[in-house]
């Protein structure tokens, strides 16, 4: 090639560079990548997951579909029983009656279980326990004297009326030095013994001068224990009836039953 020809080529190259003309592509034997992949095989990334059956999260290890999952292995095998155990027990309606705290009231029990509380300072016995002891010819006082009933807090004693009271059984609970009887714990023990009908004298109901009484605690305790019929003995029966009527307006599951005549 002559020098004149070489100079002419160099001049043309400089001219193309100055005008911004792109250099011709290099000759290659490789085909473009897109030409190798058929159009039907190109898919958006959002559609890939839909084409993979039983696909877990990206990066999750492969798991045999025939093997139980971790959540299935740790799940409760009896979910229905667990739900029923957590559900509060449903009890039927509660009928509440007021009886006078007297021999007349004790004679009107009609086969209920009688529940009384005895404190360590109750000497002689007073309240419902005193009325019961009088009718039973001092039987409870003899149990206290002989150490059979210590009256300590948490003590529970079951005895029979021996035909002197028209009740099925007598439950005596120790109060210790406290003055407020544990109605809920006592009625739960009575219910565990198979009773559905109980008679008690709540705190303050043995005071004949009490014009305002509280029946809520006794009714809630009876409801929780599953008692169906509850008789409340009161030294002032009219005040007791008024308290029960007020609570029955708030508790749809409770109803006031006037004592049977005679």
Protein backbone atom coordinates (compact mmCIF):
# COMPACT_ATOMS: atom_id res chain seq x y z
CA UNK A 1 0.00 0.00 0.00
CA UNK A 2 1.39 3.37 -0.97
CA UNK A 3 1.97 6.11 1.53
CA UNK A 4 -0.61 8.22 -0.21
CA UNK A 5 -3.29 5.64 0.36
CA UNK A 6 -2.38 5.29 4.06
CA UNK A 7 -2.59 9.03 4.57
CA UNK A 8 -6.01 9.09 2.91
CA UNK A 9 -7.35 6.42 5.30
CA UNK A 10 -6.03 8.22 8.35
CA UNK A 11 -7.67 11.43 7.19
CA UNK A 12 -11.02 9.72 6.78
CA UNK A 13 -10.76 8.22 10.32
CA UNK A 14 -10.00 11.63 11.82
CA UNK A 15 -12.97 13.08 9.98
CA UNK A 16 -15.37 10.44 11.32
CA UNK A 17 -14.16 10.97 14.88
CA UNK A 18 -14.62 14.71 14.62
CA UNK A 19 -18.18 14.25 13.25
CA UNK A 20 -19.12 11.73 16.01
CA UNK A 21 -19.74 8.82 13.72
CA UNK A 22 -19.67 5.47 15.49
CA UNK A 23 -17.12 2.97 14.45
CA UNK A 24 -18.43 -0.07 12.62
CA UNK A 25 -19.07 -3.09 14.91
CA UNK A 26 -16.45 -5.70 15.23
CA UNK A 27 -17.05 -8.81 13.26
CA UNK A 28 -17.99 -11.78 15.54
CA UNK A 29 -19.20 -15.26 15.07
CA UNK A 30 -21.39 -15.17 18.27
CA UNK A 31 -25.14 -14.52 17.88
CA UNK A 32 -26.94 -12.09 20.24
CA UNK A 33 -28.34 -13.72 23.43
CA UNK A 34 -31.90 -12.64 22.66
CA UNK A 35 -31.70 -14.36 19.31
CA UNK A 36 -30.90 -17.67 21.04
CA UNK A 37 -33.84 -17.55 23.53
CA UNK A 38 -37.25 -18.04 21.90
CA UNK A 39 -39.80 -15.28 22.76
CA UNK A 40 -42.12 -17.80 24.45
CA UNK A 41 -39.43 -18.62 27.06
CA UNK A 42 -39.07 -15.00 28.28
CA UNK A 43 -41.34 -14.42 31.29
CA UNK A 44 -41.74 -11.57 33.78
CA UNK A 45 -40.30 -12.27 37.23
CA UNK A 46 -43.74 -11.79 38.81
CA UNK A 47 -45.09 -14.81 36.94
CA UNK A 48 -42.35 -17.25 37.89
CA UNK A 49 -43.79 -18.09 41.30
CA UNK A 50 -47.15 -18.97 39.76
CA UNK A 51 -45.58 -21.61 37.56
CA UNK A 52 -43.80 -23.43 40.43
CA UNK A 53 -46.20 -25.80 42.29
CA UNK A 54 -46.14 -25.79 46.14
CA UNK A 55 -43.47 -23.10 46.11
CA UNK A 56 -42.44 -21.83 49.52
CA UNK A 57 -40.76 -18.55 50.29
CA UNK A 58 -37.75 -17.62 48.20
CA UNK A 59 -34.65 -19.11 49.73
CA UNK A 60 -36.56 -21.63 51.90
CA UNK A 61 -35.08 -25.14 51.94
CA UNK A 62 -36.85 -27.87 50.08
CA UNK A 63 -39.37 -29.81 52.20
CA UNK A 64 -40.92 -33.17 51.46
CA UNK A 65 -44.68 -32.54 50.93
CA UNK A 66 -45.47 -35.91 52.50
CA UNK A 67 -43.90 -34.91 55.83
CA UNK A 68 -45.92 -32.87 58.40
CA UNK A 69 -44.95 -29.26 58.81
CA UNK A 70 -43.50 -27.83 62.03
CA UNK A 71 -46.77 -26.05 62.84
CA UNK A 72 -48.71 -29.28 62.37
CA UNK A 73 -46.31 -31.14 64.63
CA UNK A 74 -46.67 -28.62 67.46
CA UNK A 75 -50.42 -28.05 67.10
CA UNK A 76 -52.82 -29.30 69.76
CA UNK A 77 -54.16 -32.72 68.63
CA UNK A 78 -57.48 -31.94 70.32
CA UNK A 79 -58.20 -28.25 69.58
CA UNK A 80 -61.92 -28.57 70.32
CA UNK A 81 -61.31 -30.04 73.78
CA UNK A 82 -58.81 -27.28 74.58
CA UNK A 83 -61.33 -24.61 73.55
CA UNK A 84 -64.07 -26.16 75.69
CA UNK A 85 -61.72 -26.35 78.68
CA UNK A 86 -61.01 -22.60 78.46
CA UNK A 87 -64.67 -21.75 78.05
CA UNK A 88 -66.37 -20.85 81.39
CA UNK A 89 -68.90 -23.36 82.63
CA UNK A 90 -72.50 -22.55 81.78
CA UNK A 91 -74.93 -22.97 84.67
CA UNK A 92 -78.69 -22.81 84.77
CA UNK A 93 -80.82 -20.13 86.40
CA UNK A 94 -80.47 -19.29 90.07
CA UNK A 95 -83.51 -19.06 92.32
CA UNK A 96 -83.01 -16.95 95.45
CA UNK A 97 -85.23 -16.98 98.52
CA UNK A 98 -85.06 -15.01 101.77
CA UNK A 99 -85.84 -16.74 105.06
CA UNK A 100 -85.93 -15.17 108.53
CA UNK A 101 -82.95 -15.94 110.73
CA UNK A 102 -85.03 -17.67 113.37
CA UNK A 103 -86.40 -21.09 114.28
CA UNK A 104 -89.21 -20.42 111.83
CA UNK A 105 -86.72 -19.81 109.04
CA UNK A 106 -84.70 -22.93 109.89
CA UNK A 107 -87.86 -25.01 109.88
CA UNK A 108 -88.61 -23.72 106.35
CA UNK A 109 -85.38 -24.99 104.78
CA UNK A 110 -87.03 -27.91 103.03
CA UNK A 111 -84.13 -30.27 102.40
CA UNK A 112 -81.40 -27.79 101.54
CA UNK A 113 -77.79 -28.05 102.71
CA UNK A 114 -77.11 -25.61 105.53
CA UNK A 115 -73.83 -23.66 105.46
CA UNK A 116 -72.53 -21.81 108.53
CA UNK A 117 -69.30 -20.07 109.55
CA UNK A 118 -67.65 -20.13 112.97
CA UNK A 119 -64.88 -17.77 114.10
CA UNK A 120 -62.36 -18.34 116.89
CA UNK A 121 -63.87 -15.44 118.89
CA UNK A 122 -67.45 -16.68 118.53
CA UNK A 123 -67.86 -17.98 122.08
CA UNK A 124 -70.71 -18.47 122.62
CA UNK A 125 -71.71 -19.17 119.04
CA UNK A 126 -73.70 -16.44 117.33
CA UNK A 127 -75.44 -15.71 114.09
CA UNK A 128 -76.64 -18.68 112.07
CA UNK A 129 -74.28 -21.05 113.90
CA UNK A 130 -75.83 -19.95 117.22
CA UNK A 131 -79.39 -20.61 116.00
CA UNK A 132 -78.33 -24.01 114.67
CA UNK A 133 -76.53 -24.90 117.89
CA UNK A 134 -79.59 -23.98 119.94
CA UNK A 135 -81.86 -26.18 117.83
CA UNK A 136 -79.29 -29.04 117.91
CA UNK A 137 -79.10 -28.90 121.74
CA UNK A 138 -75.52 -27.60 121.83
CA UNK A 139 -74.08 -30.15 119.39
CA UNK A 140 -71.85 -27.60 117.64
CA UNK A 141 -70.62 -26.15 120.95
CA UNK A 142 -69.59 -29.64 122.06
CA UNK A 143 -67.63 -30.13 118.82
CA UNK A 144 -65.79 -26.87 119.52
CA UNK A 145 -65.11 -27.85 123.13
CA UNK A 146 -63.83 -31.30 122.17
CA UNK A 147 -61.54 -29.89 119.46
CA UNK A 148 -63.46 -31.47 116.62
CA UNK A 149 -64.15 -27.96 115.26
CA UNK A 150 -61.26 -25.54 115.86
CA UNK A 151 -62.79 -22.62 113.89
CA UNK A 152 -59.43 -21.93 112.25
CA UNK A 153 -59.40 -20.30 108.83
CA UNK A 154 -59.70 -22.87 106.04
CA UNK A 155 -61.26 -25.55 108.22
CA UNK A 156 -64.26 -27.42 106.79
CA UNK A 157 -66.48 -29.91 108.62
CA UNK A 158 -69.41 -31.92 107.29
CA UNK A 159 -71.98 -33.28 109.72
CA UNK A 160 -75.62 -34.42 109.78
CA UNK A 161 -78.55 -32.62 111.43
CA UNK A 162 -79.62 -35.79 113.35
CA UNK A 163 -83.26 -35.03 112.66
CA UNK A 164 -83.22 -31.73 114.54
CA UNK A 165 -83.14 -29.52 111.43
CA UNK A 166 -85.03 -30.05 108.15
CA UNK A 167 -81.86 -29.98 106.03
CA UNK A 168 -79.88 -32.64 104.23
CA UNK A 169 -76.38 -31.87 105.54
CA UNK A 170 -74.57 -29.24 107.59
CA UNK A 171 -71.34 -27.64 106.35
CA UNK A 172 -69.32 -25.78 108.97
CA UNK A 173 -66.40 -23.58 107.90
CA UNK A 174 -63.80 -21.96 110.13
CA UNK A 175 -63.34 -18.21 109.90
CA UNK A 176 -60.32 -17.78 112.11
CA UNK A 177 -60.10 -14.12 113.14
CA UNK A 178 -61.67 -12.72 109.98
CA UNK A 179 -65.24 -11.48 110.01
CA UNK A 180 -66.13 -11.76 106.32
CA UNK A 181 -67.04 -15.34 105.38
CA UNK A 182 -65.42 -16.78 102.22
CA UNK A 183 -68.70 -17.45 100.42
CA UNK A 184 -67.17 -18.41 97.08
CA UNK A 185 -64.76 -21.02 98.47
CA UNK A 186 -67.42 -22.45 100.78
CA UNK A 187 -70.11 -22.81 98.11
CA UNK A 188 -67.64 -24.39 95.71
CA UNK A 189 -66.88 -27.06 98.29
CA UNK A 190 -70.59 -27.57 98.87
CA UNK A 191 -71.14 -27.97 95.12
CA UNK A 192 -68.26 -30.45 94.85
CA UNK A 193 -70.06 -32.51 97.48
CA UNK A 194 -72.98 -32.81 95.07
CA UNK A 195 -75.26 -30.07 96.36
CA UNK A 196 -77.42 -27.84 94.18
CA UNK A 197 -79.47 -26.29 97.00
CA UNK A 198 -77.85 -24.36 99.81
CA UNK A 199 -78.80 -21.97 102.61
CA UNK A 200 -76.39 -19.43 104.09
CA UNK A 201 -76.30 -16.22 106.10
CA UNK A 202 -74.04 -13.65 104.37
CA UNK A 203 -71.93 -11.17 106.28
CA UNK A 204 -74.05 -8.55 108.06
CA UNK A 205 -77.33 -10.36 107.47
CA UNK A 206 -77.47 -11.47 111.12
CA UNK A 207 -77.89 -7.86 112.27
CA UNK A 208 -81.59 -7.05 112.80
CA UNK A 209 -80.85 -3.32 112.61
CA UNK A 210 -79.22 -3.52 109.15
CA UNK A 211 -81.45 -1.61 106.75
CA UNK A 212 -79.22 -2.11 103.68
CA UNK A 213 -77.81 -5.52 102.82
CA UNK A 214 -75.51 -6.79 100.08
CA UNK A 215 -76.73 -9.83 98.16
CA UNK A 216 -74.40 -9.50 95.15
CA UNK A 217 -71.44 -11.46 96.59
CA UNK A 218 -73.61 -14.38 97.70
CA UNK A 219 -75.46 -14.57 94.38
CA UNK A 220 -72.28 -14.40 92.30
CA UNK A 221 -70.62 -17.05 94.47
CA UNK A 222 -73.62 -19.35 94.09
CA UNK A 223 -73.70 -18.79 90.33
CA UNK A 224 -70.00 -19.60 89.97
CA UNK A 225 -70.34 -22.76 92.08
CA UNK A 226 -73.34 -24.01 90.11
CA UNK A 227 -75.89 -23.73 92.90
CA UNK A 228 -79.45 -23.78 91.52
CA UNK A 229 -81.40 -22.74 94.64
CA UNK A 230 -80.03 -20.37 97.27
CA UNK A 231 -81.75 -19.40 100.52
CA UNK A 232 -80.41 -16.37 102.36
CA UNK A 233 -81.25 -16.16 106.05
CA UNK A 234 -81.64 -12.60 107.33
CA UNK A 235 -82.45 -11.08 110.70
CA UNK A 236 -84.26 -8.39 108.70
CA UNK A 237 -86.02 -10.35 105.91
CA UNK A 238 -87.56 -7.24 104.33
CA UNK A 239 -84.14 -5.65 103.82
CA UNK A 240 -82.90 -8.97 102.40
CA UNK A 241 -85.75 -9.18 99.90
CA UNK A 242 -85.10 -5.61 98.78
CA UNK A 243 -81.40 -6.39 98.20
CA UNK A 244 -82.20 -9.49 96.13
CA UNK A 245 -84.78 -7.70 93.96
CA UNK A 246 -82.20 -5.01 93.14
CA UNK A 247 -79.57 -7.60 92.14
CA UNK A 248 -82.04 -9.66 90.09
CA UNK A 249 -82.59 -6.59 87.91
CA UNK A 250 -78.89 -6.73 86.98
CA UNK A 251 -78.55 -10.52 86.72
CA UNK A 252 -80.83 -12.05 84.05
CA UNK A 253 -79.94 -15.54 85.27
CA UNK A 254 -81.30 -14.87 88.79
CA UNK A 255 -84.89 -14.70 90.02
CA UNK A 256 -86.40 -13.93 93.38
CA UNK A 257 -88.70 -16.61 94.75
CA UNK A 258 -90.90 -15.67 97.70
CA UNK A 259 -90.90 -18.30 100.44
CA UNK A 260 -93.67 -20.84 100.31
CA UNK A 261 -96.57 -19.96 102.67
CA UNK A 262 -96.98 -21.95 105.81
